[in-house]
Structures are given as C-alpha cells and as structure tokens.
Amino acid sequence: MPFRLDRATGTVLVTFQDGVVVSLLVESENEQFRSLLRDQVDWSLLPAPRQFSLPISRVACTVSVSNGKIRVGVGPI
C-alpha cells in the first residue's frame, strides 16, 4: 500500500567486502521509511568505496525527505 512521506530521515550503514555489499543496518524513527529503505532500495547498486581508491569498507548513507525533495548524503564511517 503506498504512503506519503512529509518528513522523514534515515541512515543506512553499508558494509562492503571484496566490492560487494555484505551487510546493511537501517536506522530511522519513521517505521515506514525504515522499511522502505531496507526493503525497496537495491543497495547492491551502490558503488564500493574501493572503486574510487578509498581505503574504507563502510559508508553511511543519509536519506531525507522534506517538502517533496529528497536529499542523499554519503560519507565514511
């Protein structure tokens, strides 16, 4: 069943091994948004940090929805 998000923020902690996503941890106070990020997004499409010669294996993706706009940020953890 579709739902409408007015304001929601979530963080997805992604761990890579050998260039492949091996684990996800999704955090959000909004249960529907948390479920959407966990179950409807194909995180395997996220490029591994090593593809950019970065020496990290974990990233945090912050996703927020507000006033019809989606913002995404990615950083090392």
PDB file of N, CA and C in Angstrom:
ATOM      1  N   MET A   1       0.840  -1.174   0.000  1.00  0.00           N
ATOM      2  CA  MET A   1       0.000   0.000   0.000  1.00  0.00           C
ATOM      3  C   MET A   1       0.891   1.245   0.000  1.00  0.00           C
ATOM      4  N   PRO A   2       0.729   2.167  -0.925  1.00  0.00           N
ATOM      5  CA  PRO A   2       1.564   3.361  -0.973  1.00  0.00           C
ATOM      6  C   PRO A   2       1.282   4.277   0.214  1.00  0.00           C
ATOM      7  N   PHE A   3       2.285   5.031   0.578  1.00  0.00           N
ATOM      8  CA  PHE A   3       2.123   6.008   1.642  1.00  0.00           C
ATOM      9  C   PHE A   3       2.849   7.277   1.232  1.00  0.00           C
ATOM     10  N   ARG A   4       2.487   8.362   1.872  1.00  0.00           N
ATOM     11  CA  ARG A   4       3.083   9.651   1.553  1.00  0.00           C
ATOM     12  C   ARG A   4       3.950  10.091   2.723  1.00  0.00           C
ATOM     13  N   LEU A   5       5.162  10.474   2.396  1.00  0.00           N
ATOM     14  CA  LEU A   5       6.082  10.958   3.412  1.00  0.00           C
ATOM     15  C   LEU A   5       6.116  12.474   3.392  1.00  0.00           C
ATOM     16  N   ASP A   6       5.899  13.082   4.524  1.00  0.00           N
ATOM     17  CA  ASP A   6       6.016  14.528   4.623  1.00  0.00           C
ATOM     18  C   ASP A   6       7.435  14.885   5.053  1.00  0.00           C
ATOM     19  N   ARG A   7       7.856  14.298   6.120  1.00  0.00           N
ATOM     20  CA  ARG A   7       9.221  14.498   6.605  1.00  0.00           C
ATOM     21  C   ARG A   7       9.721  13.184   7.175  1.00  0.00           C
ATOM     22  N   ALA A   8      10.865  12.757   6.692  1.00  0.00           N
ATOM     23  CA  ALA A   8      11.470  11.532   7.206  1.00  0.00           C
ATOM     24  C   ALA A   8      12.966  11.581   6.938  1.00  0.00           C
ATOM     25  N   THR A   9      13.697  11.006   7.860  1.00  0.00           N
ATOM     26  CA  THR A   9      15.147  10.904   7.709  1.00  0.00           C
ATOM     27  C   THR A   9      15.561   9.504   8.123  1.00  0.00           C
ATOM     28  N   GLY A  10      16.507   8.957   7.395  1.00  0.00           N
ATOM     29  CA  GLY A  10      17.026   7.637   7.727  1.00  0.00           C
ATOM     30  C   GLY A  10      18.503   7.556   7.407  1.00  0.00           C
ATOM     31  N   THR A  11      19.176   6.660   8.091  1.00  0.00           N
ATOM     32  CA  THR A  11      20.592   6.408   7.836  1.00  0.00           C
ATOM     33  C   THR A  11      20.762   4.927   7.557  1.00  0.00           C
ATOM     34  N   VAL A  12      21.514   4.638   6.513  1.00  0.00           N
ATOM     35  CA  VAL A  12      21.805   3.263   6.149  1.00  0.00           C
ATOM     36  C   VAL A  12      23.316   3.072   6.261  1.00  0.00           C
ATOM     37  N   LEU A  13      23.717   2.165   7.142  1.00  0.00           N
ATOM     38  CA  LEU A  13      25.128   1.843   7.298  1.00  0.00           C
ATOM     39  C   LEU A  13      25.412   0.630   6.424  1.00  0.00           C
ATOM     40  N   VAL A  14      26.288   0.813   5.446  1.00  0.00           N
ATOM     41  CA  VAL A  14      26.560  -0.219   4.449  1.00  0.00           C
ATOM     42  C   VAL A  14      27.995  -0.699   4.617  1.00  0.00           C
ATOM     43  N   THR A  15      28.163  -2.015   4.703  1.00  0.00           N
ATOM     44  CA  THR A  15      29.490  -2.611   4.810  1.00  0.00           C
ATOM     45  C   THR A  15      29.777  -3.402   3.536  1.00  0.00           C
ATOM     46  N   PHE A  16      30.962  -3.165   2.982  1.00  0.00           N
ATOM     47  CA  PHE A  16      31.403  -3.841   1.765  1.00  0.00           C
ATOM     48  C   PHE A  16      32.531  -4.817   2.088  1.00  0.00           C
ATOM     49  N   GLN A  17      32.578  -5.880   1.329  1.00  0.00           N
ATOM     50  CA  GLN A  17      33.703  -6.807   1.386  1.00  0.00           C
ATOM     51  C   GLN A  17      33.964  -7.277  -0.040  1.00  0.00           C
ATOM     52  N   ASP A  18      35.193  -7.136  -0.484  1.00  0.00           N
ATOM     53  CA  ASP A  18      35.556  -7.503  -1.856  1.00  0.00           C
ATOM     54  C   ASP A  18      34.663  -6.810  -2.881  1.00  0.00           C
ATOM     55  N   GLY A  19      34.278  -5.558  -2.598  1.00  0.00           N
ATOM     56  CA  GLY A  19      33.493  -4.765  -3.535  1.00  0.00           C
ATOM     57  C   GLY A  19      32.011  -5.062  -3.551  1.00  0.00           C
ATOM     58  N   VAL A  20      31.550  -5.905  -2.616  1.00  0.00           N
ATOM     59  CA  VAL A  20      30.152  -6.311  -2.585  1.00  0.00           C
ATOM     60  C   VAL A  20      29.539  -5.924  -1.237  1.00  0.00           C
ATOM     61  N   VAL A  21      28.283  -5.494  -1.246  1.00  0.00           N
ATOM     62  CA  VAL A  21      27.578  -5.188  -0.005  1.00  0.00           C
ATOM     63  C   VAL A  21      27.370  -6.495   0.765  1.00  0.00           C
ATOM     64  N   VAL A  22      27.870  -6.527   2.015  1.00  0.00           N
ATOM     65  CA  VAL A  22      27.705  -7.732   2.835  1.00  0.00           C
ATOM     66  C   VAL A  22      26.772  -7.516   4.018  1.00  0.00           C
ATOM     67  N   SER A  23      26.542  -6.248   4.394  1.00  0.00           N
ATOM     68  CA  SER A  23      25.573  -6.012   5.464  1.00  0.00           C
ATOM     69  C   SER A  23      25.016  -4.598   5.407  1.00  0.00           C
ATOM     70  N   LEU A  24      23.795  -4.478   5.919  1.00  0.00           N
ATOM     71  CA  LEU A  24      23.083  -3.195   5.992  1.00  0.00           C
ATOM     72  C   LEU A  24      22.490  -3.051   7.384  1.00  0.00           C
ATOM     73  N   LEU A  25      22.538  -1.845   7.893  1.00  0.00           N
ATOM     74  CA  LEU A  25      21.833  -1.509   9.114  1.00  0.00           C
ATOM     75  C   LEU A  25      21.068  -0.238   8.819  1.00  0.00           C
ATOM     76  N   VAL A  26      19.744  -0.282   8.926  1.00  0.00           N
ATOM     77  CA  VAL A  26      18.900   0.850   8.585  1.00  0.00           C
ATOM     78  C   VAL A  26      18.328   1.440   9.873  1.00  0.00           C
ATOM     79  N   GLU A  27      18.507   2.750  10.025  1.00  0.00           N
ATOM     80  CA  GLU A  27      18.005   3.444  11.208  1.00  0.00           C
ATOM     81  C   GLU A  27      17.099   4.594  10.776  1.00  0.00           C
ATOM     82  N   SER A  28      15.927   4.670  11.386  1.00  0.00           N
ATOM     83  CA  SER A  28      15.002   5.777  11.163  1.00  0.00           C
ATOM     84  C   SER A  28      13.929   5.710  12.238  1.00  0.00           C
ATOM     85  N   GLU A  29      13.499   6.865  12.700  1.00  0.00           N
ATOM     86  CA  GLU A  29      12.405   6.894  13.661  1.00  0.00           C
ATOM     87  C   GLU A  29      11.074   6.564  12.996  1.00  0.00           C
ATOM     88  N   ASN A  30      10.988   6.794  11.687  1.00  0.00           N
ATOM     89  CA  ASN A  30       9.770   6.524  10.931  1.00  0.00           C
ATOM     90  C   ASN A  30       9.803   5.068  10.449  1.00  0.00           C
ATOM     91  N   GLU A  31       8.932   4.241  11.000  1.00  0.00           N
ATOM     92  CA  GLU A  31       8.926   2.816  10.688  1.00  0.00           C
ATOM     93  C   GLU A  31       8.696   2.533   9.196  1.00  0.00           C
ATOM     94  N   GLN A  32       7.791   3.273   8.571  1.00  0.00           N
ATOM     95  CA  GLN A  32       7.521   3.062   7.140  1.00  0.00           C
ATOM     96  C   GLN A  32       8.737   3.433   6.296  1.00  0.00           C
ATOM     97  N   PHE A  33       9.402   4.527   6.650  1.00  0.00           N
ATOM     98  CA  PHE A  33      10.579   4.954   5.897  1.00  0.00           C
ATOM     99  C   PHE A  33      11.711   3.956   6.086  1.00  0.00           C
ATOM    100  N   ARG A  34      11.869   3.470   7.315  1.00  0.00           N
ATOM    101  CA  ARG A  34      12.893   2.462   7.598  1.00  0.00           C
ATOM    102  C   ARG A  34      12.647   1.210   6.754  1.00  0.00           C
ATOM    103  N   SER A  35      11.404   0.791   6.685  1.00  0.00           N
ATOM    104  CA  SER A  35      11.045  -0.378   5.878  1.00  0.00           C
ATOM    105  C   SER A  35      11.304  -0.118   4.392  1.00  0.00           C
ATOM    106  N   LEU A  36      10.954   1.064   3.926  1.00  0.00           N
ATOM    107  CA  LEU A  36      11.188   1.423   2.530  1.00  0.00           C
ATOM    108  C   LEU A  36      12.681   1.363   2.202  1.00  0.00           C
ATOM    109  N   LEU A  37      13.505   1.959   3.046  1.00  0.00           N
ATOM    110  CA  LEU A  37      14.953   1.956   2.799  1.00  0.00           C
ATOM    111  C   LEU A  37      15.525   0.544   2.854  1.00  0.00           C
ATOM    112  N   ARG A  38      15.023  -0.260   3.755  1.00  0.00           N
ATOM    113  CA  ARG A  38      15.553  -1.618   3.927  1.00  0.00           C
ATOM    114  C   ARG A  38      15.083  -2.555   2.818  1.00  0.00           C
ATOM    115  N   ASP A  39      13.791  -2.474   2.462  1.00  0.00           N
ATOM    116  CA  ASP A  39      13.210  -3.499   1.596  1.00  0.00           C
ATOM    117  C   ASP A  39      13.026  -3.100   0.133  1.00  0.00           C
ATOM    118  N   GLN A  40      12.994  -1.800  -0.167  1.00  0.00           N
ATOM    119  CA  GLN A  40      12.679  -1.378  -1.524  1.00  0.00           C
ATOM    120  C   GLN A  40      13.859  -0.793  -2.295  1.00  0.00           C
ATOM    121  N   VAL A  41      14.959  -0.532  -1.621  1.00  0.00           N
ATOM    122  CA  VAL A  41      16.128   0.045  -2.280  1.00  0.00           C
ATOM    123  C   VAL A  41      17.152  -1.060  -2.526  1.00  0.00           C
ATOM    124  N   ASP A  42      17.658  -1.144  -3.731  1.00  0.00           N
ATOM    125  CA  ASP A  42      18.683  -2.141  -4.063  1.00  0.00           C
ATOM    126  C   ASP A  42      20.055  -1.552  -3.747  1.00  0.00           C
ATOM    127  N   TRP A  43      20.506  -1.746  -2.522  1.00  0.00           N
ATOM    128  CA  TRP A  43      21.774  -1.168  -2.070  1.00  0.00           C
ATOM    129  C   TRP A  43      22.983  -1.811  -2.740  1.00  0.00           C
ATOM    130  N   SER A  44      22.798  -2.944  -3.403  1.00  0.00           N
ATOM    131  CA  SER A  44      23.918  -3.569  -4.108  1.00  0.00           C
ATOM    132  C   SER A  44      24.377  -2.717  -5.292  1.00  0.00           C
ATOM    133  N   LEU A  45      23.545  -1.763  -5.724  1.00  0.00           N
ATOM    134  CA  LEU A  45      23.923  -0.865  -6.817  1.00  0.00           C
ATOM    135  C   LEU A  45      24.849   0.256  -6.365  1.00  0.00           C
ATOM    136  N   LEU A  46      24.988   0.440  -5.047  1.00  0.00           N
ATOM    137  CA  LEU A  46      25.875   1.466  -4.514  1.00  0.00           C
ATOM    138  C   LEU A  46      27.319   1.068  -4.795  1.00  0.00           C
ATOM    139  N   PRO A  47      28.095   1.940  -5.448  1.00  0.00           N
ATOM    140  CA  PRO A  47      29.485   1.590  -5.753  1.00  0.00           C
ATOM    141  C   PRO A  47      30.304   1.431  -4.471  1.00  0.00           C
ATOM    142  N   ALA A  48      31.154   0.447  -4.465  1.00  0.00           N
ATOM    143  CA  ALA A  48      32.039   0.210  -3.326  1.00  0.00           C
ATOM    144  C   ALA A  48      33.089   1.315  -3.256  1.00  0.00           C
ATOM    145  N   PRO A  49      33.469   1.727  -2.051  1.00  0.00           N
ATOM    146  CA  PRO A  49      34.485   2.776  -1.903  1.00  0.00           C
ATOM    147  C   PRO A  49      35.794   2.456  -2.624  1.00  0.00           C
ATOM    148  N   ARG A  50      36.146   1.201  -2.698  1.00  0.00           N
ATOM    149  CA  ARG A  50      37.416   0.857  -3.352  1.00  0.00           C
ATOM    150  C   ARG A  50      37.396   1.157  -4.856  1.00  0.00           C
ATOM    151  N   GLN A  51      36.204   1.299  -5.446  1.00  0.00           N
ATOM    152  CA  GLN A  51      36.124   1.687  -6.853  1.00  0.00           C
ATOM    153  C   GLN A  51      36.639   3.102  -7.061  1.00  0.00           C
ATOM    154  N   PHE A  52      36.717   3.859  -5.966  1.00  0.00           N
ATOM    155  CA  PHE A  52      37.230   5.226  -6.009  1.00  0.00           C
ATOM    156  C   PHE A  52      38.573   5.327  -5.287  1.00  0.00           C
ATOM    157  N   SER A  53      39.213   4.177  -5.105  1.00  0.00           N
ATOM    158  CA  SER A  53      40.515   4.073  -4.425  1.00  0.00           C
ATOM    159  C   SER A  53      40.461   4.574  -2.982  1.00  0.00           C
ATOM    160  N   LEU A  54      39.327   4.431  -2.340  1.00  0.00           N
ATOM    161  CA  LEU A  54      39.184   4.819  -0.939  1.00  0.00           C
ATOM    162  C   LEU A  54      39.461   3.606  -0.045  1.00  0.00           C
ATOM    163  N   PRO A  55      40.238   3.789   1.012  1.00  0.00           N
ATOM    164  CA  PRO A  55      40.629   2.660   1.868  1.00  0.00           C
ATOM    165  C   PRO A  55      39.624   2.353   2.975  1.00  0.00           C
ATOM    166  N   ILE A  56      38.340   2.457   2.681  1.00  0.00           N
ATOM    167  CA  ILE A  56      37.317   2.185   3.682  1.00  0.00           C
ATOM    168  C   ILE A  56      36.403   1.078   3.187  1.00  0.00           C
ATOM    169  N   SER A  57      35.746   0.427   4.130  1.00  0.00           N
ATOM    170  CA  SER A  57      34.823  -0.638   3.739  1.00  0.00           C
ATOM    171  C   SER A  57      33.403  -0.386   4.231  1.00  0.00           C
ATOM    172  N   ARG A  58      33.195   0.749   4.953  1.00  0.00           N
ATOM    173  CA  ARG A  58      31.857   1.072   5.456  1.00  0.00           C
ATOM    174  C   ARG A  58      31.511   2.520   5.121  1.00  0.00           C
ATOM    175  N   VAL A  59      30.258   2.728   4.749  1.00  0.00           N
ATOM    176  CA  VAL A  59      29.772   4.078   4.486  1.00  0.00           C
ATOM    177  C   VAL A  59      28.409   4.259   5.159  1.00  0.00           C
ATOM    178  N   ALA A  60      28.099   5.512   5.452  1.00  0.00           N
ATOM    179  CA  ALA A  60      26.791   5.870   5.985  1.00  0.00           C
ATOM    180  C   ALA A  60      26.072   6.689   4.917  1.00  0.00           C
ATOM    181  N   CYS A  61      24.899   6.249   4.546  1.00  0.00           N
ATOM    182  CA  CYS A  61      24.069   6.970   3.587  1.00  0.00           C
ATOM    183  C   CYS A  61      22.909   7.581   4.359  1.00  0.00           C
ATOM    184  N   THR A  62      22.818   8.896   4.323  1.00  0.00           N
ATOM    185  CA  THR A  62      21.723   9.590   4.987  1.00  0.00           C
ATOM    186  C   THR A  62      20.733  10.029   3.917  1.00  0.00           C
ATOM    187  N   VAL A  63      19.482   9.655   4.115  1.00  0.00           N
ATOM    188  CA  VAL A  63      18.426   9.962   3.159  1.00  0.00           C
ATOM    189  C   VAL A  63      17.348  10.740   3.907  1.00  0.00           C
ATOM    190  N   SER A  64      16.966  11.883   3.346  1.00  0.00           N
ATOM    191  CA  SER A  64      15.884  12.645   3.980  1.00  0.00           C
ATOM    192  C   SER A  64      14.888  13.104   2.922  1.00  0.00           C
ATOM    193  N   VAL A  65      13.642  13.161   3.348  1.00  0.00           N
ATOM    194  CA  VAL A  65      12.546  13.616   2.502  1.00  0.00           C
ATOM    195  C   VAL A  65      11.848  14.740   3.243  1.00  0.00           C
ATOM    196  N   SER A  66      11.701  15.881   2.571  1.00  0.00           N
ATOM    197  CA  SER A  66      11.020  17.019   3.179  1.00  0.00           C
ATOM    198  C   SER A  66      10.493  17.929   2.085  1.00  0.00           C
ATOM    199  N   ASN A  67       9.244  18.308   2.193  1.00  0.00           N
ATOM    200  CA  ASN A  67       8.616  19.217   1.240  1.00  0.00           C
ATOM    201  C   ASN A  67       8.769  18.755  -0.209  1.00  0.00           C
ATOM    202  N   GLY A  68       8.634  17.457  -0.435  1.00  0.00           N
ATOM    203  CA  GLY A  68       8.706  16.915  -1.779  1.00  0.00           C
ATOM    204  C   GLY A  68      10.105  16.784  -2.350  1.00  0.00           C
ATOM    205  N   LYS A  69      11.126  17.046  -1.548  1.00  0.00           N
ATOM    206  CA  LYS A  69      12.512  16.942  -2.006  1.00  0.00           C
ATOM    207  C   LYS A  69      13.221  15.808  -1.287  1.00  0.00           C
ATOM    208  N   ILE A  70      14.074  15.119  -2.021  1.00  0.00           N
ATOM    209  CA  ILE A  70      14.867  14.030  -1.460  1.00  0.00           C
ATOM    210  C   ILE A  70      16.327  14.471  -1.443  1.00  0.00           C
ATOM    211  N   ARG A  71      16.960  14.282  -0.310  1.00  0.00           N
ATOM    212  CA  ARG A  71      18.388  14.594  -0.173  1.00  0.00           C
ATOM    213  C   ARG A  71      19.113  13.324   0.246  1.00  0.00           C
ATOM    214  N   VAL A  72      20.280  13.088  -0.373  1.00  0.00           N
ATOM    215  CA  VAL A  72      21.077  11.917  -0.063  1.00  0.00           C
ATOM    216  C   VAL A  72      22.511  12.369   0.191  1.00  0.00           C
ATOM    217  N   GLY A  73      23.086  11.871   1.266  1.00  0.00           N
ATOM    218  CA  GLY A  73      24.483  12.136   1.575  1.00  0.00           C
ATOM    219  C   GLY A  73      25.175  10.814   1.853  1.00  0.00           C
ATOM    220  N   VAL A  74      26.444  10.737   1.462  1.00  0.00           N
ATOM    221  CA  VAL A  74      27.228   9.526   1.684  1.00  0.00           C
ATOM    222  C   VAL A  74      28.556   9.950   2.295  1.00  0.00           C
ATOM    223  N   GLY A  75      28.959   9.237   3.352  1.00  0.00           N
ATOM    224  CA  GLY A  75      30.229   9.526   3.991  1.00  0.00           C
ATOM    225  C   GLY A  75      30.806   8.298   4.637  1.00  0.00           C
ATOM    226  N   PRO A  76      32.089   8.331   4.951  1.00  0.00           N
ATOM    227  CA  PRO A  76      32.753   7.174   5.586  1.00  0.00           C
ATOM    228  C   PRO A  76      32.338   7.039   7.039  1.00  0.00           C
ATOM    229  N   ILE A  77      32.410   5.825   7.527  1.00  0.00           N
ATOM    230  CA  ILE A  77      32.215   5.582   8.962  1.00  0.00           C
ATOM    231  C   ILE A  77      33.313   4.685   9.473  1.00  0.00           C
TER     232      ILE A  77
END
